Amino acid sequence: MSPFKSVKAISSRLADLSRLRLLVVGDIMHDVFIWGKVNRISPEAPVPVVEVTKETSLLGGAANVVNNIMALGARAVMAGVIGKDPHGEAVSRALKEIDADGCCIRRSLTRPTAVKTRIIAHQQQVVRFDLEEKRPLKKSTFNGLWKSIEKELPRTDAVIVSDYAKGLISPPLMDKLVPACKSRDIILAVDPKPENMFLYKGASIITPNQSEAAQAAGMPINSIEDLEKAGEALLEKLECGALLITLGEKGMALFQAGKDPVHIPARAREVYDVTGAGDTVIGVLTVAMVAGMELADAVMTANIAAGIVVGKIGTSVASVDEILASLKEWNSK
């Protein structure tokens, strides 16, 4: 049986999302994929030799959240910082190609664009190497970023904070952003990092994974009982509207004040690559919430979307058609 109250109602909410405008604030990355094959081990060291066949690149980090929103037919504005470098140019071009709005992106001469390069052979990651700057933003960069965000808020339906702990999400930023969203009654959804967890206090919904939730709660999560104890504790400490803990192949758990936890099973048929799955969850979840879905249904929709993207190689997105097809399949069982 489908856990959705009404498949027809969910489908109608996803029918036309073009009226929705979401602002994504976070660490922008350029995801580079080097593809190849391995036929031998290096004579220099016991490591595989990858014979490169092609190289591709995609929007990563917070920019992948934007990509997921645009794939649903909603509109997205990117707020963050990139370098004045080739990777920054590539990110700008990619955002323009999907018709995303980059009006809140600041360019820096001293802060390089964050890059994650993955070596993939025979459909599996061999290694990943990162180029990034984690220091807090310079005051001038921060001031310019906040000014652009503040200007955008009056025409924004929801704000997503995509925190990859690269220095953009900081106490000064969240001290301004949380009350600004509250005063305008704007949904604030956060994909968090444990070290910044309590900066998001008062957000509409926060979506840590199991490891992040355990670290923030200061306790291991090895059972359903542990999960519910940690979830309830974080919900109270963070004073957020809801807490969604993602559990990988075990699904998700939703916590709301005064309500029993809701456990949602995973929807992936076969997992190929979990890259960007969290970006899909926060993007689809927030769009669904803004579109008027009840929270449980919005979570289920995000769960379905996550199951779709982990069945693909590389940073991926889920389309409305794919989500609806999976929804109908689930409902028929």
Foldseek 3Di string as FASTA:
>chain_A
DFPDPDLVVLLVLLVAQALAEEEEEEAKEKEKEFEFAFDDADPVDRATDGDTDDMDIDTAFSLLLQVQLLLSNYAYEYAEEAEPDPSVVVSVVRCVVSPHHDQLYYYDPPFHRKYKYFYDHPLHTRDIDIDGAQAADDPVNLVSNVVSVLVCVVSHQAYEYGYPNSHDDDLVVLVPPQVVCVVVVHAYEYADALVCLLSQQAHQEYEYEQVSLCSNQVHHDDDPVSVQVSQVVSCVSSVYQKYWYQYVQQGIWIDGPPDDIDGDGADAPDFSAQRQLSSLLRSQLSSSVSSPDDNVVSNVLSRLFSNVQRVDRDSDYDHSVSSSVSSVVSVVD
